[in-house]
Amino acid sequence: MTPSMAGEQGSPNSLGLFTAFGAERTSNLRWLFALAVPLFGLLAAWLSLQGQQDGMRIVTAHGIKLVLPGMSQEEVLGRLGHPIGKTMRADGAECFQHGLFSMTEPMTTVYELCYLGGVLQDVRTRRYSLWTVDDTGAFVPAGIPMEDPPEEGPLKP
């Protein structure tokens, strides 16, 4: 190696194959990457919303099911199963309640699906507390209090 070659090794033109790793190139790539990642995220979010149908997701014992306005009552019952209750509205719509209850969860959601002429018109949701507060301020599972145990004594015939 001659002294003139040693001086050329440190110069920017002597990088040859490795010019892609120069300082100017990496700063441009960083800016491009910094702009591309958020734009890609926004594009992905927009595309995922484009495929959404205008329906309601309902939590059932067998997973989350999608119901759409205009579905027949038979189609909805096939997806959700049997309702837990039924009411009639003033306009003649039949409304069925669906939901899951648990003694370990403090809240539950009840979905009310209303049909007019056997066709789903609207879905409403209501949240209910399943727990109560005792005298000490602690949360306890709701339910009917058990009766006091019978007094022990001689049995009557």
C-alpha atoms as a PDB file:
ATOM      1  CA  MET A   1       0.000   0.000   0.000  1.00  0.00           C
ATOM      2  CA  THR A   2       1.463   3.298  -1.071  1.00  0.00           C
ATOM      3  CA  PRO A   3       1.143   6.516   0.929  1.00  0.00           C
ATOM      4  CA  SER A   4      -1.162   7.961  -1.734  1.00  0.00           C
ATOM      5  CA  MET A   5      -3.523   4.981  -1.396  1.00  0.00           C
ATOM      6  CA  ALA A   6      -3.606   5.345   2.405  1.00  0.00           C
ATOM      7  CA  GLY A   7      -4.733   8.960   2.046  1.00  0.00           C
ATOM      8  CA  GLU A   8      -7.507   7.985  -0.355  1.00  0.00           C
ATOM      9  CA  GLN A   9      -9.010   5.375   2.003  1.00  0.00           C
ATOM     10  CA  GLY A  10     -10.579   7.956   4.332  1.00  0.00           C
ATOM     11  CA  SER A  11     -12.035  10.129   1.558  1.00  0.00           C
ATOM     12  CA  PRO A  12     -15.770   9.849   0.778  1.00  0.00           C
ATOM     13  CA  ASN A  13     -15.109   8.862  -2.815  1.00  0.00           C
ATOM     14  CA  SER A  14     -13.067   5.858  -1.737  1.00  0.00           C
ATOM     15  CA  LEU A  15     -16.043   4.074  -0.082  1.00  0.00           C
ATOM     16  CA  GLY A  16     -16.909   2.434  -3.401  1.00  0.00           C
ATOM     17  CA  LEU A  17     -19.399  -0.330  -2.662  1.00  0.00           C
ATOM     18  CA  PHE A  18     -20.225   1.051   0.769  1.00  0.00           C
ATOM     19  CA  THR A  19     -21.536   4.468  -0.289  1.00  0.00           C
ATOM     20  CA  ALA A  20     -25.043   3.417   0.846  1.00  0.00           C
ATOM     21  CA  PHE A  21     -23.782   3.518   4.422  1.00  0.00           C
ATOM     22  CA  GLY A  22     -22.591   7.111   4.234  1.00  0.00           C
ATOM     23  CA  ALA A  23     -23.948   9.753   6.643  1.00  0.00           C
ATOM     24  CA  GLU A  24     -26.113  11.544   4.056  1.00  0.00           C
ATOM     25  CA  ARG A  25     -27.831   8.366   2.938  1.00  0.00           C
ATOM     26  CA  THR A  26     -28.826   7.190   6.443  1.00  0.00           C
ATOM     27  CA  SER A  27     -30.308  10.536   7.457  1.00  0.00           C
ATOM     28  CA  ASN A  28     -32.522  10.525   4.344  1.00  0.00           C
ATOM     29  CA  LEU A  29     -33.642   6.970   5.084  1.00  0.00           C
ATOM     30  CA  ARG A  30     -34.468   7.883   8.682  1.00  0.00           C
ATOM     31  CA  TRP A  31     -36.746  10.701   7.539  1.00  0.00           C
ATOM     32  CA  LEU A  32     -38.410   8.459   4.994  1.00  0.00           C
ATOM     33  CA  PHE A  33     -38.936   5.740   7.611  1.00  0.00           C
ATOM     34  CA  ALA A  34     -40.235   8.264  10.176  1.00  0.00           C
ATOM     35  CA  LEU A  35     -42.851   9.461   7.683  1.00  0.00           C
ATOM     36  CA  ALA A  36     -43.729   6.071   6.191  1.00  0.00           C
ATOM     37  CA  VAL A  37     -44.546   4.247   9.444  1.00  0.00           C
ATOM     38  CA  PRO A  38     -47.337   6.598  10.651  1.00  0.00           C
ATOM     39  CA  LEU A  39     -48.739   6.885   7.125  1.00  0.00           C
ATOM     40  CA  PHE A  40     -48.805   3.106   6.807  1.00  0.00           C
ATOM     41  CA  GLY A  41     -50.597   2.864  10.180  1.00  0.00           C
ATOM     42  CA  LEU A  42     -53.228   5.392   9.129  1.00  0.00           C
ATOM     43  CA  LEU A  43     -53.746   3.598   5.830  1.00  0.00           C
ATOM     44  CA  ALA A  44     -54.172   0.243   7.603  1.00  0.00           C
ATOM     45  CA  ALA A  45     -56.702   1.734  10.060  1.00  0.00           C
ATOM     46  CA  TRP A  46     -58.669   3.356   7.233  1.00  0.00           C
ATOM     47  CA  LEU A  47     -58.741   0.116   5.228  1.00  0.00           C
ATOM     48  CA  SER A  48     -59.922  -1.893   8.240  1.00  0.00           C
ATOM     49  CA  LEU A  49     -62.823   0.515   8.755  1.00  0.00           C
ATOM     50  CA  GLN A  50     -63.861   0.282   5.107  1.00  0.00           C
ATOM     51  CA  GLY A  51     -64.764  -3.384   5.512  1.00  0.00           C
ATOM     52  CA  GLN A  52     -66.952  -2.754   8.583  1.00  0.00           C
ATOM     53  CA  GLN A  53     -70.619  -3.434   8.202  1.00  0.00           C
ATOM     54  CA  ASP A  54     -73.125  -1.206   9.937  1.00  0.00           C
ATOM     55  CA  GLY A  55     -74.064  -3.750  12.575  1.00  0.00           C
ATOM     56  CA  MET A  56     -73.805  -4.485  16.271  1.00  0.00           C
ATOM     57  CA  ARG A  57     -71.367  -6.890  17.904  1.00  0.00           C
ATOM     58  CA  ILE A  58     -72.988  -8.873  20.703  1.00  0.00           C
ATOM     59  CA  VAL A  59     -71.116 -10.944  23.287  1.00  0.00           C
ATOM     60  CA  THR A  60     -72.589 -14.428  23.679  1.00  0.00           C
ATOM     61  CA  ALA A  61     -71.573 -17.603  25.469  1.00  0.00           C
ATOM     62  CA  HIS A  62     -70.146 -18.793  22.140  1.00  0.00           C
ATOM     63  CA  GLY A  63     -68.159 -15.679  21.192  1.00  0.00           C
ATOM     64  CA  ILE A  64     -68.880 -12.309  19.624  1.00  0.00           C
ATOM     65  CA  LYS A  65     -71.628 -12.339  16.995  1.00  0.00           C
ATOM     66  CA  LEU A  66     -72.544  -9.639  14.466  1.00  0.00           C
ATOM     67  CA  VAL A  67     -76.183  -8.725  13.865  1.00  0.00           C
ATOM     68  CA  LEU A  68     -77.329  -6.315  11.179  1.00  0.00           C
ATOM     69  CA  PRO A  69     -80.493  -4.224  10.854  1.00  0.00           C
ATOM     70  CA  GLY A  70     -82.888  -5.937   8.468  1.00  0.00           C
ATOM     71  CA  MET A  71     -82.005  -9.478   9.568  1.00  0.00           C
ATOM     72  CA  SER A  72     -84.924 -11.777  10.259  1.00  0.00           C
ATOM     73  CA  GLN A  73     -85.711 -12.848  13.791  1.00  0.00           C
ATOM     74  CA  GLU A  74     -84.791 -16.450  12.923  1.00  0.00           C
ATOM     75  CA  GLU A  75     -81.357 -15.395  11.637  1.00  0.00           C
ATOM     76  CA  VAL A  76     -80.625 -13.413  14.798  1.00  0.00           C
ATOM     77  CA  LEU A  77     -81.808 -16.193  17.117  1.00  0.00           C
ATOM     78  CA  GLY A  78     -79.649 -18.627  15.139  1.00  0.00           C
ATOM     79  CA  ARG A  79     -76.596 -16.478  15.912  1.00  0.00           C
ATOM     80  CA  LEU A  80     -77.365 -15.422  19.483  1.00  0.00           C
ATOM     81  CA  GLY A  81     -79.391 -18.295  20.895  1.00  0.00           C
ATOM     82  CA  HIS A  82     -82.445 -18.025  23.102  1.00  0.00           C
ATOM     83  CA  PRO A  83     -83.208 -14.659  24.729  1.00  0.00           C
ATOM     84  CA  ILE A  84     -83.416 -14.091  28.482  1.00  0.00           C
ATOM     85  CA  GLY A  85     -86.518 -11.911  28.278  1.00  0.00           C
ATOM     86  CA  LYS A  86     -89.176 -10.380  26.043  1.00  0.00           C
ATOM     87  CA  THR A  87     -91.138  -7.099  26.084  1.00  0.00           C
ATOM     88  CA  MET A  88     -93.478  -5.216  23.755  1.00  0.00           C
ATOM     89  CA  ARG A  89     -93.018  -1.559  22.832  1.00  0.00           C
ATOM     90  CA  ALA A  90     -95.875   0.903  22.345  1.00  0.00           C
ATOM     91  CA  ASP A  91     -95.317   0.857  18.555  1.00  0.00           C
ATOM     92  CA  GLY A  92     -95.945  -2.917  18.495  1.00  0.00           C
ATOM     93  CA  ALA A  93     -92.295  -3.965  18.213  1.00  0.00           C
ATOM     94  CA  GLU A  94     -91.263  -7.174  19.973  1.00  0.00           C
ATOM     95  CA  CYS A  95     -88.062  -6.686  21.947  1.00  0.00           C
ATOM     96  CA  PHE A  96     -85.900  -9.587  23.120  1.00  0.00           C
ATOM     97  CA  GLN A  97     -83.132  -9.279  25.707  1.00  0.00           C
ATOM     98  CA  HIS A  98     -79.872 -11.196  25.390  1.00  0.00           C
ATOM     99  CA  GLY A  99     -77.010 -11.208  27.873  1.00  0.00           C
ATOM    100  CA  LEU A 100     -74.678 -13.187  30.091  1.00  0.00           C
ATOM    101  CA  PHE A 101     -74.854 -13.092  33.867  1.00  0.00           C
ATOM    102  CA  SER A 102     -72.084 -14.070  36.244  1.00  0.00           C
ATOM    103  CA  MET A 103     -71.816 -14.097  40.014  1.00  0.00           C
ATOM    104  CA  THR A 104     -68.131 -13.200  39.765  1.00  0.00           C
ATOM    105  CA  GLU A 105     -68.347 -10.166  37.441  1.00  0.00           C
ATOM    106  CA  PRO A 106     -69.492  -6.840  38.905  1.00  0.00           C
ATOM    107  CA  MET A 107     -71.257  -5.651  35.712  1.00  0.00           C
ATOM    108  CA  THR A 108     -73.131  -7.166  32.782  1.00  0.00           C
ATOM    109  CA  THR A 109     -74.425  -5.888  29.467  1.00  0.00           C
ATOM    110  CA  VAL A 110     -77.942  -6.677  28.303  1.00  0.00           C
ATOM    111  CA  TYR A 111     -78.702  -6.253  24.604  1.00  0.00           C
ATOM    112  CA  GLU A 112     -82.276  -5.438  23.627  1.00  0.00           C
ATOM    113  CA  LEU A 113     -83.098  -6.330  20.012  1.00  0.00           C
ATOM    114  CA  CYS A 114     -86.409  -5.004  18.686  1.00  0.00           C
ATOM    115  CA  TYR A 115     -88.258  -6.468  15.697  1.00  0.00           C
ATOM    116  CA  LEU A 116     -91.113  -5.029  13.686  1.00  0.00           C
ATOM    117  CA  GLY A 117     -92.802  -7.554  11.420  1.00  0.00           C
ATOM    118  CA  GLY A 118     -90.116 -10.140  12.201  1.00  0.00           C
ATOM    119  CA  VAL A 119     -87.297  -7.853  10.950  1.00  0.00           C
ATOM    120  CA  LEU A 120     -84.590  -6.422  13.246  1.00  0.00           C
ATOM    121  CA  GLN A 121     -85.082  -2.662  13.606  1.00  0.00           C
ATOM    122  CA  ASP A 122     -82.700  -1.568  16.354  1.00  0.00           C
ATOM    123  CA  VAL A 123     -80.382  -2.770  19.110  1.00  0.00           C
ATOM    124  CA  ARG A 124     -79.896  -1.082  22.464  1.00  0.00           C
ATOM    125  CA  THR A 125     -77.411  -1.881  25.188  1.00  0.00           C
ATOM    126  CA  ARG A 126     -77.758  -1.411  28.925  1.00  0.00           C
ATOM    127  CA  ARG A 127     -75.181  -2.010  31.647  1.00  0.00           C
ATOM    128  CA  TYR A 128     -76.297  -3.417  34.979  1.00  0.00           C
ATOM    129  CA  SER A 129     -74.460  -3.802  38.264  1.00  0.00           C
ATOM    130  CA  LEU A 130     -74.611  -7.312  39.654  1.00  0.00           C
ATOM    131  CA  TRP A 131     -73.060  -6.412  43.011  1.00  0.00           C
ATOM    132  CA  THR A 132     -74.322  -4.440  45.967  1.00  0.00           C
ATOM    133  CA  VAL A 133     -72.626  -2.476  48.741  1.00  0.00           C
ATOM    134  CA  ASP A 134     -72.919  -3.809  52.293  1.00  0.00           C
ATOM    135  CA  ASP A 135     -73.011  -1.787  55.537  1.00  0.00           C
ATOM    136  CA  THR A 136     -69.204  -1.590  55.675  1.00  0.00           C
ATOM    137  CA  GLY A 137     -68.964  -0.164  52.136  1.00  0.00           C
ATOM    138  CA  ALA A 138     -67.575  -3.348  50.621  1.00  0.00           C
ATOM    139  CA  PHE A 139     -68.852  -4.702  47.305  1.00  0.00           C
ATOM    140  CA  VAL A 140     -70.588  -8.051  47.605  1.00  0.00           C
ATOM    141  CA  PRO A 141     -72.299 -10.231  44.978  1.00  0.00           C
ATOM    142  CA  ALA A 142     -75.936  -9.326  44.558  1.00  0.00           C
ATOM    143  CA  GLY A 143     -78.613 -11.851  45.233  1.00  0.00           C
ATOM    144  CA  ILE A 144     -81.378 -12.757  47.559  1.00  0.00           C
ATOM    145  CA  PRO A 145     -80.132 -12.990  51.145  1.00  0.00           C
ATOM    146  CA  MET A 146     -80.460 -16.426  52.634  1.00  0.00           C
ATOM    147  CA  GLU A 147     -82.986 -16.906  55.406  1.00  0.00           C
ATOM    148  CA  ASP A 148     -81.736 -17.214  58.933  1.00  0.00           C
ATOM    149  CA  PRO A 149     -81.020 -20.854  59.739  1.00  0.00           C
ATOM    150  CA  PRO A 150     -83.821 -22.531  61.682  1.00  0.00           C
ATOM    151  CA  GLU A 151     -83.428 -22.659  65.419  1.00  0.00           C
ATOM    152  CA  GLU A 152     -82.269 -25.975  66.681  1.00  0.00           C
ATOM    153  CA  GLY A 153     -84.617 -27.749  68.993  1.00  0.00           C
ATOM    154  CA  PRO A 154     -86.950 -30.702  69.128  1.00  0.00           C
ATOM    155  CA  LEU A 155     -88.613 -31.576  65.844  1.00  0.00           C
ATOM    156  CA  LYS A 156     -92.362 -31.205  65.705  1.00  0.00           C
ATOM    157  CA  PRO A 157     -94.363 -34.065  64.251  1.00  0.00           C
END
